[in-house]
Amino acid sequence: MNMRGMTTRSIWLECLRENAINMRLEHEDLGRRIAVSLASSQKALLDIDNLNQELTKMKDTIHNAISNVLGYENKCCELLLDILIKIVENNDLNQYPQDVPDSIDKNITEDQ
């Protein structure tokens, strides 16, 4: 095949032109797909950011609730302890020996 002939050159140029057109179409399609993927990724990032903010709010709410419960438990325990102390102060255990278990009675006599 004579590479210098006009027909051969024309065939080569037509093939190169067709390849260039196909490559341009592929690049345009690739650009569109990249743009769609980028938009989808940006939306996903916004959704993740919103979820992260919601989780932070939930975390703060849970920490506050735990603090409130712990504070409430401490207050309840203190209140119960105060009530028990007042009951013990107001009632002499020796008054009601039948209500005192043996183990407590032994501890009291050992302490005295």
N, C-alpha and C. Protein backbone atom coordinates (compact mmCIF):
# COMPACT_ATOMS: atom_id res chain seq x y z
N MET A 1 0.83 -1.17 0.00
CA MET A 1 0.00 0.00 0.00
C MET A 1 0.88 1.24 0.00
N ASN A 2 0.62 2.11 -0.91
CA ASN A 2 1.41 3.32 -1.05
C ASN A 2 0.89 4.36 -0.06
N MET A 3 1.72 4.69 0.96
CA MET A 3 1.32 5.63 2.01
C MET A 3 1.31 7.06 1.51
N ARG A 4 1.91 7.27 0.38
CA ARG A 4 1.98 8.64 -0.10
C ARG A 4 0.85 8.97 -1.05
N GLY A 5 0.04 8.00 -1.34
CA GLY A 5 -1.04 8.24 -2.29
C GLY A 5 -2.16 9.06 -1.66
N MET A 6 -2.86 9.79 -2.51
CA MET A 6 -3.92 10.66 -2.06
C MET A 6 -5.05 9.87 -1.42
N THR A 7 -5.40 8.74 -1.96
CA THR A 7 -6.50 7.93 -1.43
C THR A 7 -6.14 7.40 -0.04
N THR A 8 -4.89 6.95 0.11
CA THR A 8 -4.46 6.41 1.40
C THR A 8 -4.47 7.50 2.46
N ARG A 9 -3.97 8.66 2.09
CA ARG A 9 -3.99 9.78 3.04
C ARG A 9 -5.41 10.17 3.41
N SER A 10 -6.26 10.17 2.46
CA SER A 10 -7.66 10.52 2.69
C SER A 10 -8.31 9.51 3.65
N ILE A 11 -8.02 8.23 3.46
CA ILE A 11 -8.56 7.20 4.36
C ILE A 11 -8.04 7.40 5.78
N TRP A 12 -6.73 7.65 5.88
CA TRP A 12 -6.13 7.88 7.20
C TRP A 12 -6.74 9.12 7.86
N LEU A 13 -6.89 10.16 7.15
CA LEU A 13 -7.47 11.38 7.72
C LEU A 13 -8.92 11.16 8.15
N GLU A 14 -9.67 10.40 7.36
CA GLU A 14 -11.06 10.11 7.73
C GLU A 14 -11.11 9.27 9.01
N CYS A 15 -10.21 8.31 9.13
CA CYS A 15 -10.15 7.49 10.36
C CYS A 15 -9.78 8.35 11.56
N LEU A 16 -8.79 9.22 11.39
CA LEU A 16 -8.39 10.11 12.49
C LEU A 16 -9.53 11.05 12.89
N ARG A 17 -10.24 11.59 11.89
CA ARG A 17 -11.36 12.48 12.17
C ARG A 17 -12.46 11.73 12.93
N GLU A 18 -12.76 10.52 12.49
CA GLU A 18 -13.79 9.72 13.17
C GLU A 18 -13.36 9.38 14.60
N ASN A 19 -12.10 9.04 14.77
CA ASN A 19 -11.58 8.78 16.12
C ASN A 19 -11.68 10.02 17.01
N ALA A 20 -11.37 11.18 16.45
CA ALA A 20 -11.45 12.43 17.22
C ALA A 20 -12.89 12.72 17.62
N ILE A 21 -13.83 12.51 16.69
CA ILE A 21 -15.25 12.73 17.00
C ILE A 21 -15.71 11.77 18.10
N ASN A 22 -15.34 10.51 17.97
CA ASN A 22 -15.72 9.52 18.99
C ASN A 22 -15.11 9.86 20.36
N MET A 23 -13.85 10.29 20.35
CA MET A 23 -13.20 10.65 21.60
C MET A 23 -13.88 11.87 22.23
N ARG A 24 -14.25 12.86 21.40
CA ARG A 24 -14.93 14.04 21.91
C ARG A 24 -16.27 13.65 22.53
N LEU A 25 -17.02 12.77 21.85
CA LEU A 25 -18.30 12.30 22.39
C LEU A 25 -18.12 11.54 23.71
N GLU A 26 -17.09 10.71 23.76
CA GLU A 26 -16.81 9.97 25.00
C GLU A 26 -16.44 10.92 26.13
N HIS A 27 -15.64 11.95 25.82
CA HIS A 27 -15.26 12.93 26.85
C HIS A 27 -16.47 13.73 27.33
N GLU A 28 -17.37 14.10 26.40
CA GLU A 28 -18.58 14.82 26.80
C GLU A 28 -19.45 13.95 27.70
N ASP A 29 -19.60 12.68 27.32
CA ASP A 29 -20.39 11.75 28.13
C ASP A 29 -19.75 11.56 29.51
N LEU A 30 -18.43 11.41 29.51
CA LEU A 30 -17.72 11.27 30.77
C LEU A 30 -17.90 12.51 31.64
N GLY A 31 -17.82 13.69 31.02
CA GLY A 31 -18.04 14.94 31.75
C GLY A 31 -19.43 15.00 32.37
N ARG A 32 -20.45 14.58 31.61
CA ARG A 32 -21.82 14.56 32.15
C ARG A 32 -21.93 13.60 33.34
N ARG A 33 -21.35 12.41 33.19
CA ARG A 33 -21.42 11.43 34.28
C ARG A 33 -20.67 11.92 35.52
N ILE A 34 -19.54 12.58 35.30
CA ILE A 34 -18.79 13.14 36.43
C ILE A 34 -19.61 14.23 37.12
N ALA A 35 -20.28 15.09 36.33
CA ALA A 35 -21.11 16.15 36.91
C ALA A 35 -22.26 15.57 37.73
N VAL A 36 -22.90 14.52 37.20
CA VAL A 36 -23.99 13.87 37.94
C VAL A 36 -23.46 13.25 39.23
N SER A 37 -22.33 12.57 39.15
CA SER A 37 -21.73 11.96 40.34
C SER A 37 -21.33 13.00 41.36
N LEU A 38 -20.78 14.12 40.89
CA LEU A 38 -20.38 15.20 41.79
C LEU A 38 -21.59 15.78 42.51
N ALA A 39 -22.68 16.02 41.77
CA ALA A 39 -23.90 16.55 42.39
C ALA A 39 -24.44 15.56 43.42
N SER A 40 -24.42 14.29 43.08
CA SER A 40 -24.90 13.26 44.01
C SER A 40 -24.02 13.21 45.26
N SER A 41 -22.72 13.33 45.07
CA SER A 41 -21.78 13.32 46.20
C SER A 41 -21.98 14.53 47.09
N GLN A 42 -22.21 15.70 46.48
CA GLN A 42 -22.44 16.91 47.27
C GLN A 42 -23.71 16.77 48.10
N LYS A 43 -24.76 16.20 47.51
CA LYS A 43 -26.00 15.99 48.25
C LYS A 43 -25.77 15.01 49.40
N ALA A 44 -25.01 13.95 49.13
CA ALA A 44 -24.71 12.97 50.18
C ALA A 44 -23.92 13.63 51.31
N LEU A 45 -22.97 14.50 50.97
CA LEU A 45 -22.19 15.20 52.00
C LEU A 45 -23.09 16.11 52.84
N LEU A 46 -24.03 16.80 52.21
CA LEU A 46 -24.96 17.64 52.96
C LEU A 46 -25.82 16.79 53.89
N ASP A 47 -26.29 15.65 53.39
CA ASP A 47 -27.09 14.75 54.22
C ASP A 47 -26.27 14.24 55.41
N ILE A 48 -25.02 13.89 55.16
CA ILE A 48 -24.14 13.42 56.23
C ILE A 48 -23.92 14.53 57.25
N ASP A 49 -23.71 15.75 56.78
CA ASP A 49 -23.51 16.89 57.67
C ASP A 49 -24.76 17.11 58.53
N ASN A 50 -25.94 17.03 57.92
CA ASN A 50 -27.18 17.19 58.68
C ASN A 50 -27.34 16.08 59.73
N LEU A 51 -27.03 14.85 59.33
CA LEU A 51 -27.10 13.74 60.28
C LEU A 51 -26.10 13.93 61.42
N ASN A 52 -24.93 14.43 61.09
CA ASN A 52 -23.91 14.67 62.11
C ASN A 52 -24.40 15.71 63.11
N GLN A 53 -25.03 16.77 62.63
CA GLN A 53 -25.58 17.80 63.52
C GLN A 53 -26.68 17.22 64.40
N GLU A 54 -27.55 16.40 63.82
CA GLU A 54 -28.61 15.77 64.60
C GLU A 54 -28.03 14.84 65.67
N LEU A 55 -26.99 14.08 65.30
CA LEU A 55 -26.35 13.20 66.28
C LEU A 55 -25.71 13.99 67.41
N THR A 56 -25.12 15.14 67.08
CA THR A 56 -24.53 15.99 68.11
C THR A 56 -25.61 16.49 69.07
N LYS A 57 -26.76 16.90 68.52
CA LYS A 57 -27.87 17.34 69.38
C LYS A 57 -28.35 16.19 70.26
N MET A 58 -28.47 14.99 69.66
CA MET A 58 -28.91 13.83 70.44
C MET A 58 -27.91 13.50 71.54
N LYS A 59 -26.62 13.61 71.23
CA LYS A 59 -25.58 13.34 72.21
C LYS A 59 -25.70 14.31 73.37
N ASP A 60 -25.87 15.60 73.07
CA ASP A 60 -26.03 16.60 74.13
C ASP A 60 -27.27 16.32 74.97
N THR A 61 -28.36 15.96 74.31
CA THR A 61 -29.60 15.65 75.04
C THR A 61 -29.40 14.46 75.97
N ILE A 62 -28.73 13.43 75.47
CA ILE A 62 -28.49 12.23 76.29
C ILE A 62 -27.59 12.55 77.47
N HIS A 63 -26.54 13.34 77.23
CA HIS A 63 -25.65 13.72 78.33
C HIS A 63 -26.40 14.53 79.38
N ASN A 64 -27.25 15.44 78.93
CA ASN A 64 -28.05 16.22 79.88
C ASN A 64 -28.99 15.32 80.67
N ALA A 65 -29.62 14.38 79.98
CA ALA A 65 -30.54 13.46 80.66
C ALA A 65 -29.80 12.62 81.69
N ILE A 66 -28.62 12.13 81.33
CA ILE A 66 -27.83 11.33 82.27
C ILE A 66 -27.44 12.18 83.48
N SER A 67 -27.02 13.41 83.24
CA SER A 67 -26.66 14.30 84.34
C SER A 67 -27.86 14.55 85.24
N ASN A 68 -29.02 14.76 84.64
CA ASN A 68 -30.23 14.99 85.43
C ASN A 68 -30.58 13.76 86.26
N VAL A 69 -30.47 12.58 85.65
CA VAL A 69 -30.79 11.35 86.38
C VAL A 69 -29.80 11.14 87.52
N LEU A 70 -28.52 11.37 87.25
CA LEU A 70 -27.52 11.20 88.31
C LEU A 70 -27.77 12.19 89.44
N GLY A 71 -28.08 13.42 89.09
CA GLY A 71 -28.39 14.42 90.11
C GLY A 71 -29.63 14.02 90.90
N TYR A 72 -30.63 13.51 90.22
CA TYR A 72 -31.87 13.09 90.88
C TYR A 72 -31.60 11.91 91.81
N GLU A 73 -30.77 10.94 91.32
CA GLU A 73 -30.45 9.79 92.16
C GLU A 73 -29.71 10.23 93.41
N ASN A 74 -28.75 11.14 93.26
CA ASN A 74 -28.01 11.61 94.43
C ASN A 74 -28.93 12.31 95.41
N LYS A 75 -29.84 13.14 94.90
CA LYS A 75 -30.78 13.83 95.79
C LYS A 75 -31.69 12.84 96.49
N CYS A 76 -32.17 11.83 95.75
CA CYS A 76 -33.04 10.82 96.35
C CYS A 76 -32.29 10.03 97.42
N CYS A 77 -31.05 9.66 97.13
CA CYS A 77 -30.26 8.92 98.10
C CYS A 77 -30.02 9.76 99.35
N GLU A 78 -29.69 11.03 99.15
CA GLU A 78 -29.48 11.91 100.28
C GLU A 78 -30.75 12.06 101.10
N LEU A 79 -31.88 12.21 100.41
CA LEU A 79 -33.17 12.35 101.09
C LEU A 79 -33.49 11.08 101.88
N LEU A 80 -33.30 9.92 101.27
CA LEU A 80 -33.56 8.66 101.98
C LEU A 80 -32.63 8.49 103.17
N LEU A 81 -31.38 8.86 103.01
CA LEU A 81 -30.43 8.76 104.10
C LEU A 81 -30.84 9.68 105.25
N ASP A 82 -31.24 10.91 104.92
CA ASP A 82 -31.72 11.84 105.95
C ASP A 82 -32.93 11.28 106.68
N ILE A 83 -33.86 10.69 105.93
CA ILE A 83 -35.06 10.10 106.55
C ILE A 83 -34.67 8.96 107.48
N LEU A 84 -33.77 8.09 107.01
CA LEU A 84 -33.33 6.97 107.85
C LEU A 84 -32.63 7.45 109.11
N ILE A 85 -31.80 8.46 108.97
CA ILE A 85 -31.10 9.01 110.14
C ILE A 85 -32.11 9.56 111.13
N LYS A 86 -33.10 10.29 110.66
CA LYS A 86 -34.12 10.85 111.56
C LYS A 86 -34.91 9.74 112.23
N ILE A 87 -35.23 8.68 111.48
CA ILE A 87 -35.96 7.56 112.08
C ILE A 87 -35.13 6.90 113.17
N VAL A 88 -33.86 6.68 112.89
CA VAL A 88 -32.98 6.06 113.88
C VAL A 88 -32.82 6.97 115.09
N GLU A 89 -32.67 8.27 114.86
CA GLU A 89 -32.53 9.21 115.97
C GLU A 89 -33.79 9.24 116.83
N ASN A 90 -34.94 9.17 116.19
CA ASN A 90 -36.21 9.27 116.91
C ASN A 90 -36.63 7.97 117.58
N ASN A 91 -36.10 6.87 117.13
CA ASN A 91 -36.50 5.57 117.69
C ASN A 91 -35.30 4.88 118.29
N ASP A 92 -35.45 4.49 119.51
CA ASP A 92 -34.41 3.73 120.19
C ASP A 92 -34.59 2.26 119.83
N LEU A 93 -33.56 1.63 119.31
CA LEU A 93 -33.67 0.23 118.91
C LEU A 93 -33.94 -0.69 120.09
N ASN A 94 -33.55 -0.27 121.27
CA ASN A 94 -33.78 -1.10 122.45
C ASN A 94 -35.26 -1.11 122.84
N GLN A 95 -36.03 -0.15 122.33
CA GLN A 95 -37.46 -0.11 122.63
C GLN A 95 -38.18 -1.30 122.02
N TYR A 96 -37.75 -1.71 120.85
CA TYR A 96 -38.43 -2.78 120.12
C TYR A 96 -37.46 -3.92 119.81
N PRO A 97 -36.99 -4.63 120.78
CA PRO A 97 -35.98 -5.67 120.53
C PRO A 97 -36.50 -6.80 119.66
N GLN A 98 -37.80 -7.04 119.65
CA GLN A 98 -38.35 -8.11 118.83
C GLN A 98 -38.25 -7.79 117.34
N ASP A 99 -38.15 -6.50 116.98
CA ASP A 99 -38.07 -6.09 115.58
C ASP A 99 -36.64 -6.03 115.07
N VAL A 100 -35.68 -6.17 115.96
CA VAL A 100 -34.27 -6.05 115.56
C VAL A 100 -33.73 -7.45 115.29
N PRO A 101 -33.18 -7.70 114.09
CA PRO A 101 -32.59 -9.00 113.80
C PRO A 101 -31.39 -9.27 114.71
N ASP A 102 -31.07 -10.55 114.89
CA ASP A 102 -29.98 -10.93 115.78
C ASP A 102 -28.65 -10.34 115.35
N SER A 103 -28.38 -10.32 114.07
CA SER A 103 -27.09 -9.82 113.60
C SER A 103 -26.90 -8.36 113.97
N ILE A 104 -27.94 -7.55 113.87
CA ILE A 104 -27.83 -6.13 114.24
C ILE A 104 -27.67 -6.01 115.74
N ASP A 105 -28.41 -6.81 116.49
CA ASP A 105 -28.34 -6.77 117.95
C ASP A 105 -26.93 -7.10 118.42
N LYS A 106 -26.28 -8.11 117.80
CA LYS A 106 -24.92 -8.47 118.17
C LYS A 106 -23.95 -7.34 117.85
N ASN A 107 -24.13 -6.69 116.70
CA ASN A 107 -23.25 -5.59 116.32
C ASN A 107 -23.38 -4.43 117.29
N ILE A 108 -24.58 -4.17 117.74
CA ILE A 108 -24.79 -3.06 118.68
C ILE A 108 -24.10 -3.36 120.01
N THR A 109 -24.24 -4.57 120.51
CA THR A 109 -23.62 -4.92 121.79
C THR A 109 -22.11 -4.95 121.67
N GLU A 110 -21.59 -5.34 120.52
CA GLU A 110 -20.14 -5.36 120.33
C GLU A 110 -19.58 -3.95 120.29
N ASP A 111 -20.32 -3.02 119.69
CA ASP A 111 -19.86 -1.63 119.60
C ASP A 111 -19.84 -0.96 120.97
N GLN A 112 -20.74 -1.35 121.83
CA GLN A 112 -20.83 -0.70 123.14
C GLN A 112 -19.77 -1.28 123.99
